[in-house]
Amino acid sequence: MRVEVLLRHVYLTPLDDTVPYIQQARGIVIYGTKDQLFSNQSIEAIEYLNHMEVHLIEDGTHALEVETVSDSLIIMNTIVDIYQSFFTSKE
């Protein structure tokens, strides 16, 4: 008996070296626009992939932090919502 499993991945603040894996995978990517470890070239390589749901955090660093603690907490709540949607969806 053969069982097919659809694998999906979560790439949270990926590095440039993970782009080839992202291009071949299904799932979500979350990155900050001020992440110095994820280059503009990497962003361009993934931003139009139709098998990946890409979420960018404006002004977010590699740790997805922004200027104020209160705004960083709002971002963390947004990420929790993204996770909940991802892990409860069937696709």
PDB file of N, CA and C in Angstrom:
ATOM      1  N   MET A   1       0.843  -1.174   0.000  1.00  0.00           N
ATOM      2  CA  MET A   1       0.000   0.000   0.000  1.00  0.00           C
ATOM      3  C   MET A   1       0.891   1.241   0.000  1.00  0.00           C
ATOM      4  N   ARG A   2       0.602   2.139  -0.897  1.00  0.00           N
ATOM      5  CA  ARG A   2       1.390   3.368  -1.026  1.00  0.00           C
ATOM      6  C   ARG A   2       0.578   4.551  -0.501  1.00  0.00           C
ATOM      7  N   VAL A   3       1.188   5.322   0.359  1.00  0.00           N
ATOM      8  CA  VAL A   3       0.539   6.497   0.913  1.00  0.00           C
ATOM      9  C   VAL A   3       1.273   7.729   0.407  1.00  0.00           C
ATOM     10  N   GLU A   4       0.528   8.637  -0.189  1.00  0.00           N
ATOM     11  CA  GLU A   4       1.142   9.876  -0.659  1.00  0.00           C
ATOM     12  C   GLU A   4       0.943  10.957   0.390  1.00  0.00           C
ATOM     13  N   VAL A   5       2.030  11.638   0.692  1.00  0.00           N
ATOM     14  CA  VAL A   5       1.990  12.701   1.680  1.00  0.00           C
ATOM     15  C   VAL A   5       2.440  13.989   1.012  1.00  0.00           C
ATOM     16  N   LEU A   6       1.638  15.019   1.146  1.00  0.00           N
ATOM     17  CA  LEU A   6       1.985  16.323   0.614  1.00  0.00           C
ATOM     18  C   LEU A   6       2.756  17.077   1.687  1.00  0.00           C
ATOM     19  N   LEU A   7       4.025  17.308   1.423  1.00  0.00           N
ATOM     20  CA  LEU A   7       4.858  18.019   2.383  1.00  0.00           C
ATOM     21  C   LEU A   7       4.818  19.510   2.118  1.00  0.00           C
ATOM     22  N   ARG A   8       4.726  20.265   3.177  1.00  0.00           N
ATOM     23  CA  ARG A   8       4.785  21.720   3.098  1.00  0.00           C
ATOM     24  C   ARG A   8       5.810  22.195   4.118  1.00  0.00           C
ATOM     25  N   HIS A   9       6.472  23.272   3.792  1.00  0.00           N
ATOM     26  CA  HIS A   9       7.556  23.769   4.631  1.00  0.00           C
ATOM     27  C   HIS A   9       7.270  25.184   5.109  1.00  0.00           C
ATOM     28  N   VAL A  10       7.827  25.505   6.272  1.00  0.00           N
ATOM     29  CA  VAL A  10       7.803  26.863   6.804  1.00  0.00           C
ATOM     30  C   VAL A  10       9.241  27.362   6.807  1.00  0.00           C
ATOM     31  N   TYR A  11       9.485  28.429   6.076  1.00  0.00           N
ATOM     32  CA  TYR A  11      10.806  29.065   6.063  1.00  0.00           C
ATOM     33  C   TYR A  11      10.676  30.387   6.806  1.00  0.00           C
ATOM     34  N   LEU A  12      11.096  30.394   8.060  1.00  0.00           N
ATOM     35  CA  LEU A  12      11.034  31.588   8.893  1.00  0.00           C
ATOM     36  C   LEU A  12      12.397  32.253   8.873  1.00  0.00           C
ATOM     37  N   THR A  13      12.464  33.463   8.381  1.00  0.00           N
ATOM     38  CA  THR A  13      13.693  34.243   8.188  1.00  0.00           C
ATOM     39  C   THR A  13      14.785  33.388   7.537  1.00  0.00           C
ATOM     40  N   PRO A  14      14.542  32.944   6.316  1.00  0.00           N
ATOM     41  CA  PRO A  14      15.513  32.078   5.641  1.00  0.00           C
ATOM     42  C   PRO A  14      16.815  32.809   5.322  1.00  0.00           C
ATOM     43  N   LEU A  15      17.815  32.032   5.002  1.00  0.00           N
ATOM     44  CA  LEU A  15      19.114  32.545   4.559  1.00  0.00           C
ATOM     45  C   LEU A  15      19.204  32.423   3.048  1.00  0.00           C
ATOM     46  N   ASP A  16      20.142  33.137   2.455  1.00  0.00           N
ATOM     47  CA  ASP A  16      20.329  33.071   1.003  1.00  0.00           C
ATOM     48  C   ASP A  16      20.544  31.636   0.521  1.00  0.00           C
ATOM     49  N   ASP A  17      21.256  30.840   1.306  1.00  0.00           N
ATOM     50  CA  ASP A  17      21.552  29.459   0.903  1.00  0.00           C
ATOM     51  C   ASP A  17      20.312  28.572   0.815  1.00  0.00           C
ATOM     52  N   THR A  18      19.201  28.993   1.397  1.00  0.00           N
ATOM     53  CA  THR A  18      17.992  28.164   1.358  1.00  0.00           C
ATOM     54  C   THR A  18      17.120  28.410   0.133  1.00  0.00           C
ATOM     55  N   VAL A  19      17.451  29.410  -0.669  1.00  0.00           N
ATOM     56  CA  VAL A  19      16.620  29.755  -1.830  1.00  0.00           C
ATOM     57  C   VAL A  19      16.384  28.564  -2.763  1.00  0.00           C
ATOM     58  N   PRO A  20      17.391  27.750  -3.104  1.00  0.00           N
ATOM     59  CA  PRO A  20      17.109  26.605  -3.982  1.00  0.00           C
ATOM     60  C   PRO A  20      16.073  25.640  -3.392  1.00  0.00           C
ATOM     61  N   TYR A  21      16.067  25.483  -2.078  1.00  0.00           N
ATOM     62  CA  TYR A  21      15.078  24.614  -1.429  1.00  0.00           C
ATOM     63  C   TYR A  21      13.689  25.252  -1.476  1.00  0.00           C
ATOM     64  N   ILE A  22      13.645  26.562  -1.251  1.00  0.00           N
ATOM     65  CA  ILE A  22      12.375  27.286  -1.306  1.00  0.00           C
ATOM     66  C   ILE A  22      11.770  27.179  -2.704  1.00  0.00           C
ATOM     67  N   GLN A  23      12.603  27.282  -3.725  1.00  0.00           N
ATOM     68  CA  GLN A  23      12.115  27.237  -5.104  1.00  0.00           C
ATOM     69  C   GLN A  23      11.524  25.883  -5.465  1.00  0.00           C
ATOM     70  N   GLN A  24      11.898  24.839  -4.747  1.00  0.00           N
ATOM     71  CA  GLN A  24      11.403  23.498  -5.051  1.00  0.00           C
ATOM     72  C   GLN A  24      10.332  23.016  -4.079  1.00  0.00           C
ATOM     73  N   ALA A  25      10.040  23.797  -3.058  1.00  0.00           N
ATOM     74  CA  ALA A  25       9.132  23.352  -2.005  1.00  0.00           C
ATOM     75  C   ALA A  25       7.781  24.048  -2.109  1.00  0.00           C
ATOM     76  N   ARG A  26       6.856  23.555  -1.307  1.00  0.00           N
ATOM     77  CA  ARG A  26       5.555  24.206  -1.127  1.00  0.00           C
ATOM     78  C   ARG A  26       5.490  24.666   0.319  1.00  0.00           C
ATOM     79  N   GLY A  27       4.809  25.779   0.564  1.00  0.00           N
ATOM     80  CA  GLY A  27       4.656  26.223   1.940  1.00  0.00           C
ATOM     81  C   GLY A  27       4.649  27.726   2.060  1.00  0.00           C
ATOM     82  N   ILE A  28       5.264  28.211   3.150  1.00  0.00           N
ATOM     83  CA  ILE A  28       5.292  29.645   3.402  1.00  0.00           C
ATOM     84  C   ILE A  28       6.707  30.114   3.711  1.00  0.00           C
ATOM     85  N   VAL A  29       6.936  31.384   3.394  1.00  0.00           N
ATOM     86  CA  VAL A  29       8.189  32.066   3.717  1.00  0.00           C
ATOM     87  C   VAL A  29       7.817  33.346   4.453  1.00  0.00           C
ATOM     88  N   ILE A  30       8.507  33.595   5.557  1.00  0.00           N
ATOM     89  CA  ILE A  30       8.314  34.840   6.302  1.00  0.00           C
ATOM     90  C   ILE A  30       9.690  35.464   6.491  1.00  0.00           C
ATOM     91  N   TYR A  31       9.840  36.710   6.035  1.00  0.00           N
ATOM     92  CA  TYR A  31      11.135  37.380   6.175  1.00  0.00           C
ATOM     93  C   TYR A  31      10.924  38.865   6.440  1.00  0.00           C
ATOM     94  N   GLY A  32      11.929  39.496   7.011  1.00  0.00           N
ATOM     95  CA  GLY A  32      11.889  40.929   7.271  1.00  0.00           C
ATOM     96  C   GLY A  32      12.568  41.701   6.159  1.00  0.00           C
ATOM     97  N   THR A  33      12.031  42.883   5.847  1.00  0.00           N
ATOM     98  CA  THR A  33      12.599  43.677   4.753  1.00  0.00           C
ATOM     99  C   THR A  33      13.957  44.284   5.110  1.00  0.00           C
ATOM    100  N   LYS A  34      14.312  44.271   6.391  1.00  0.00           N
ATOM    101  CA  LYS A  34      15.631  44.764   6.801  1.00  0.00           C
ATOM    102  C   LYS A  34      16.530  43.627   7.286  1.00  0.00           C
ATOM    103  N   ASP A  35      16.242  42.419   6.823  1.00  0.00           N
ATOM    104  CA  ASP A  35      17.049  41.245   7.166  1.00  0.00           C
ATOM    105  C   ASP A  35      18.317  41.271   6.328  1.00  0.00           C
ATOM    106  N   GLN A  36      19.446  41.490   6.966  1.00  0.00           N
ATOM    107  CA  GLN A  36      20.715  41.570   6.244  1.00  0.00           C
ATOM    108  C   GLN A  36      21.236  40.201   5.824  1.00  0.00           C
ATOM    109  N   LEU A  37      20.586  39.128   6.271  1.00  0.00           N
ATOM    110  CA  LEU A  37      21.015  37.784   5.911  1.00  0.00           C
ATOM    111  C   LEU A  37      20.206  37.203   4.753  1.00  0.00           C
ATOM    112  N   PHE A  38      19.251  37.982   4.239  1.00  0.00           N
ATOM    113  CA  PHE A  38      18.426  37.551   3.110  1.00  0.00           C
ATOM    114  C   PHE A  38      18.454  38.677   2.083  1.00  0.00           C
ATOM    115  N   SER A  39      19.216  38.476   1.039  1.00  0.00           N
ATOM    116  CA  SER A  39      19.535  39.533   0.074  1.00  0.00           C
ATOM    117  C   SER A  39      18.361  39.875  -0.851  1.00  0.00           C
ATOM    118  N   ASN A  40      18.472  41.027  -1.491  1.00  0.00           N
ATOM    119  CA  ASN A  40      17.476  41.423  -2.496  1.00  0.00           C
ATOM    120  C   ASN A  40      17.405  40.414  -3.628  1.00  0.00           C
ATOM    121  N   GLN A  41      18.534  39.832  -3.988  1.00  0.00           N
ATOM    122  CA  GLN A  41      18.558  38.810  -5.036  1.00  0.00           C
ATOM    123  C   GLN A  41      17.718  37.599  -4.612  1.00  0.00           C
ATOM    124  N   SER A  42      17.827  37.201  -3.358  1.00  0.00           N
ATOM    125  CA  SER A  42      17.028  36.078  -2.858  1.00  0.00           C
ATOM    126  C   SER A  42      15.545  36.422  -2.846  1.00  0.00           C
ATOM    127  N   ILE A  43      15.236  37.647  -2.446  1.00  0.00           N
ATOM    128  CA  ILE A  43      13.837  38.091  -2.435  1.00  0.00           C
ATOM    129  C   ILE A  43      13.256  38.032  -3.844  1.00  0.00           C
ATOM    130  N   GLU A  44      13.998  38.533  -4.817  1.00  0.00           N
ATOM    131  CA  GLU A  44      13.539  38.506  -6.207  1.00  0.00           C
ATOM    132  C   GLU A  44      13.351  37.081  -6.710  1.00  0.00           C
ATOM    133  N   ALA A  45      14.158  36.152  -6.211  1.00  0.00           N
ATOM    134  CA  ALA A  45      14.075  34.760  -6.660  1.00  0.00           C
ATOM    135  C   ALA A  45      12.836  34.049  -6.130  1.00  0.00           C
ATOM    136  N   ILE A  46      12.262  34.533  -5.034  1.00  0.00           N
ATOM    137  CA  ILE A  46      11.114  33.827  -4.443  1.00  0.00           C
ATOM    138  C   ILE A  46       9.802  34.595  -4.494  1.00  0.00           C
ATOM    139  N   GLU A  47       9.839  35.897  -4.744  1.00  0.00           N
ATOM    140  CA  GLU A  47       8.628  36.700  -4.553  1.00  0.00           C
ATOM    141  C   GLU A  47       7.477  36.346  -5.489  1.00  0.00           C
ATOM    142  N   TYR A  48       7.736  35.734  -6.615  1.00  0.00           N
ATOM    143  CA  TYR A  48       6.651  35.398  -7.547  1.00  0.00           C
ATOM    144  C   TYR A  48       6.408  33.896  -7.674  1.00  0.00           C
ATOM    145  N   LEU A  49       6.900  33.116  -6.735  1.00  0.00           N
ATOM    146  CA  LEU A  49       6.643  31.673  -6.764  1.00  0.00           C
ATOM    147  C   LEU A  49       5.181  31.427  -6.411  1.00  0.00           C
ATOM    148  N   ASN A  50       4.467  30.732  -7.291  1.00  0.00           N
ATOM    149  CA  ASN A  50       3.045  30.518  -7.016  1.00  0.00           C
ATOM    150  C   ASN A  50       2.785  29.311  -6.118  1.00  0.00           C
ATOM    151  N   HIS A  51       3.804  28.540  -5.786  1.00  0.00           N
ATOM    152  CA  HIS A  51       3.628  27.418  -4.869  1.00  0.00           C
ATOM    153  C   HIS A  51       4.096  27.763  -3.450  1.00  0.00           C
ATOM    154  N   MET A  52       4.476  29.021  -3.246  1.00  0.00           N
ATOM    155  CA  MET A  52       4.905  29.512  -1.936  1.00  0.00           C
ATOM    156  C   MET A  52       4.078  30.724  -1.555  1.00  0.00           C
ATOM    157  N   GLU A  53       3.669  30.766  -0.317  1.00  0.00           N
ATOM    158  CA  GLU A  53       2.983  31.937   0.224  1.00  0.00           C
ATOM    159  C   GLU A  53       4.058  32.771   0.919  1.00  0.00           C
ATOM    160  N   VAL A  54       4.356  33.933   0.381  1.00  0.00           N
ATOM    161  CA  VAL A  54       5.457  34.757   0.889  1.00  0.00           C
ATOM    162  C   VAL A  54       4.892  35.920   1.701  1.00  0.00           C
ATOM    163  N   HIS A  55       5.381  36.039   2.933  1.00  0.00           N
ATOM    164  CA  HIS A  55       4.962  37.119   3.830  1.00  0.00           C
ATOM    165  C   HIS A  55       6.186  37.950   4.174  1.00  0.00           C
ATOM    166  N   LEU A  56       6.101  39.239   3.909  1.00  0.00           N
ATOM    167  CA  LEU A  56       7.213  40.106   4.292  1.00  0.00           C
ATOM    168  C   LEU A  56       6.791  40.977   5.458  1.00  0.00           C
ATOM    169  N   ILE A  57       7.732  41.166   6.353  1.00  0.00           N
ATOM    170  CA  ILE A  57       7.508  41.998   7.528  1.00  0.00           C
ATOM    171  C   ILE A  57       8.248  43.308   7.299  1.00  0.00           C
ATOM    172  N   GLU A  58       7.494  44.378   7.082  1.00  0.00           N
ATOM    173  CA  GLU A  58       8.097  45.687   6.810  1.00  0.00           C
ATOM    174  C   GLU A  58       9.005  46.108   7.960  1.00  0.00           C
ATOM    175  N   ASP A  59      10.227  46.482   7.607  1.00  0.00           N
ATOM    176  CA  ASP A  59      11.238  46.957   8.554  1.00  0.00           C
ATOM    177  C   ASP A  59      11.700  45.888   9.538  1.00  0.00           C
ATOM    178  N   GLY A  60      11.327  44.640   9.322  1.00  0.00           N
ATOM    179  CA  GLY A  60      11.729  43.561  10.219  1.00  0.00           C
ATOM    180  C   GLY A  60      13.167  43.131   9.974  1.00  0.00           C
ATOM    181  N   THR A  61      13.885  42.865  11.060  1.00  0.00           N
ATOM    182  CA  THR A  61      15.258  42.363  10.982  1.00  0.00           C
ATOM    183  C   THR A  61      15.225  40.843  10.811  1.00  0.00           C
ATOM    184  N   HIS A  62      16.391  40.211  10.898  1.00  0.00           N
ATOM    185  CA  HIS A  62      16.437  38.751  10.806  1.00  0.00           C
ATOM    186  C   HIS A  62      15.656  38.108  11.958  1.00  0.00           C
ATOM    187  N   ALA A  63      15.598  38.798  13.083  1.00  0.00           N
ATOM    188  CA  ALA A  63      14.820  38.312  14.227  1.00  0.00           C
ATOM    189  C   ALA A  63      13.355  38.750  14.142  1.00  0.00           C
ATOM    190  N   LEU A  64      12.988  39.389  13.036  1.00  0.00           N
ATOM    191  CA  LEU A  64      11.648  39.927  12.800  1.00  0.00           C
ATOM    192  C   LEU A  64      11.265  40.987  13.829  1.00  0.00           C
ATOM    193  N   GLU A  65      12.267  41.654  14.373  1.00  0.00           N
ATOM    194  CA  GLU A  65      12.029  42.760  15.294  1.00  0.00           C
ATOM    195  C   GLU A  65      12.012  44.062  14.510  1.00  0.00           C
ATOM    196  N   VAL A  66      11.246  45.014  15.011  1.00  0.00           N
ATOM    197  CA  VAL A  66      11.207  46.353  14.434  1.00  0.00           C
ATOM    198  C   VAL A  66      11.605  47.348  15.523  1.00  0.00           C
ATOM    199  N   GLU A  67      11.376  48.615  15.271  1.00  0.00           N
ATOM    200  CA  GLU A  67      11.917  49.660  16.143  1.00  0.00           C
ATOM    201  C   GLU A  67      11.397  49.631  17.580  1.00  0.00           C
ATOM    202  N   THR A  68      10.117  49.355  17.769  1.00  0.00           N
ATOM    203  CA  THR A  68       9.576  49.375  19.131  1.00  0.00           C
ATOM    204  C   THR A  68       9.133  47.979  19.564  1.00  0.00           C
ATOM    205  N   VAL A  69       9.162  47.770  20.869  1.00  0.00           N
ATOM    206  CA  VAL A  69       8.738  46.486  21.419  1.00  0.00           C
ATOM    207  C   VAL A  69       7.263  46.242  21.121  1.00  0.00           C
ATOM    208  N   SER A  70       6.441  47.258  21.260  1.00  0.00           N
ATOM    209  CA  SER A  70       5.007  47.067  21.023  1.00  0.00           C
ATOM    210  C   SER A  70       4.725  46.685  19.572  1.00  0.00           C
ATOM    211  N   ASP A  71       5.428  47.295  18.628  1.00  0.00           N
ATOM    212  CA  ASP A  71       5.257  46.919  17.220  1.00  0.00           C
ATOM    213  C   ASP A  71       5.798  45.518  16.957  1.00  0.00           C
ATOM    214  N   SER A  72       6.887  45.147  17.616  1.00  0.00           N
ATOM    215  CA  SER A  72       7.436  43.792  17.468  1.00  0.00           C
ATOM    216  C   SER A  72       6.448  42.756  17.988  1.00  0.00           C
ATOM    217  N   LEU A  73       5.752  43.063  19.079  1.00  0.00           N
ATOM    218  CA  LEU A  73       4.750  42.145  19.614  1.00  0.00           C
ATOM    219  C   LEU A  73       3.563  41.999  18.666  1.00  0.00           C
ATOM    220  N   ILE A  74       3.178  43.072  18.021  1.00  0.00           N
ATOM    221  CA  ILE A  74       2.105  43.004  17.021  1.00  0.00           C
ATOM    222  C   ILE A  74       2.525  42.090  15.872  1.00  0.00           C
ATOM    223  N   ILE A  75       3.779  42.213  15.456  1.00  0.00           N
ATOM    224  CA  ILE A  75       4.299  41.358  14.384  1.00  0.00           C
ATOM    225  C   ILE A  75       4.290  39.896  14.811  1.00  0.00           C
ATOM    226  N   MET A  76       4.713  39.615  16.050  1.00  0.00           N
ATOM    227  CA  MET A  76       4.705  38.233  16.537  1.00  0.00           C
ATOM    228  C   MET A  76       3.287  37.666  16.528  1.00  0.00           C
ATOM    229  N   ASN A  77       2.313  38.482  16.889  1.00  0.00           N
ATOM    230  CA  ASN A  77       0.918  38.046  16.850  1.00  0.00           C
ATOM    231  C   ASN A  77       0.483  37.745  15.415  1.00  0.00           C
ATOM    232  N   THR A  78       0.907  38.577  14.480  1.00  0.00           N
ATOM    233  CA  THR A  78       0.611  38.344  13.062  1.00  0.00           C
ATOM    234  C   THR A  78       1.215  37.025  12.599  1.00  0.00           C
ATOM    235  N   ILE A  79       2.436  36.753  13.022  1.00  0.00           N
ATOM    236  CA  ILE A  79       3.102  35.504  12.643  1.00  0.00           C
ATOM    237  C   ILE A  79       2.366  34.306  13.233  1.00  0.00           C
ATOM    238  N   VAL A  80       1.895  34.422  14.465  1.00  0.00           N
ATOM    239  CA  VAL A  80       1.096  33.349  15.064  1.00  0.00           C
ATOM    240  C   VAL A  80      -0.152  33.098  14.221  1.00  0.00           C
ATOM    241  N   ASP A  81      -0.808  34.150  13.774  1.00  0.00           N
ATOM    242  CA  ASP A  81      -1.990  33.999  12.911  1.00  0.00           C
ATOM    243  C   ASP A  81      -1.632  33.291  11.603  1.00  0.00           C
ATOM    244  N   ILE A  82      -0.491  33.651  11.017  1.00  0.00           N
ATOM    245  CA  ILE A  82      -0.037  33.002   9.782  1.00  0.00           C
ATOM    246  C   ILE A  82       0.198  31.520  10.039  1.00  0.00           C
ATOM    247  N   TYR A  83       0.867  31.199  11.149  1.00  0.00           N
ATOM    248  CA  TYR A  83       1.113  29.796  11.510  1.00  0.00           C
ATOM    249  C   TYR A  83      -0.198  29.038  11.688  1.00  0.00           C
ATOM    250  N   GLN A  84      -1.128  29.608  12.428  1.00  0.00           N
ATOM    251  CA  GLN A  84      -2.403  28.928  12.668  1.00  0.00           C
ATOM    252  C   GLN A  84      -3.127  28.642  11.363  1.00  0.00           C
ATOM    253  N   SER A  85      -3.138  29.593  10.477  1.00  0.00           N
ATOM    254  CA  SER A  85      -3.771  29.395   9.179  1.00  0.00           C
ATOM    255  C   SER A  85      -3.064  28.298   8.393  1.00  0.00           C
ATOM    256  N   PHE A  86      -1.747  28.323   8.405  1.00  0.00           N
ATOM    257  CA  PHE A  86      -0.957  27.347   7.661  1.00  0.00           C
ATOM    258  C   PHE A  86      -1.176  25.930   8.195  1.00  0.00           C
ATOM    259  N   PHE A  87      -1.105  25.774   9.516  1.00  0.00           N
ATOM    260  CA  PHE A  87      -1.179  24.437  10.098  1.00  0.00           C
ATOM    261  C   PHE A  87      -2.593  23.875  10.160  1.00  0.00           C
ATOM    262  N   THR A  88      -3.598  24.705   9.994  1.00  0.00           N
ATOM    263  CA  THR A  88      -4.967  24.190   9.991  1.00  0.00           C
ATOM    264  C   THR A  88      -5.533  24.028   8.584  1.00  0.00           C
ATOM    265  N   SER A  89      -4.834  24.549   7.580  1.00  0.00           N
ATOM    266  CA  SER A  89      -5.324  24.398   6.204  1.00  0.00           C
ATOM    267  C   SER A  89      -4.968  23.018   5.676  1.00  0.00           C
ATOM    268  N   LYS A  90      -5.728  22.562   4.713  1.00  0.00           N
ATOM    269  CA  LYS A  90      -5.506  21.228   4.142  1.00  0.00           C
ATOM    270  C   LYS A  90      -4.617  21.269   2.915  1.00  0.00           C
ATOM    271  N   GLU A  91      -4.301  22.452   2.421  1.00  0.00           N
ATOM    272  CA  GLU A  91      -3.466  22.553   1.214  1.00  0.00           C
ATOM    273  C   GLU A  91      -2.030  22.725   1.567  1.00  0.00           C
TER     274      GLU A  91
END
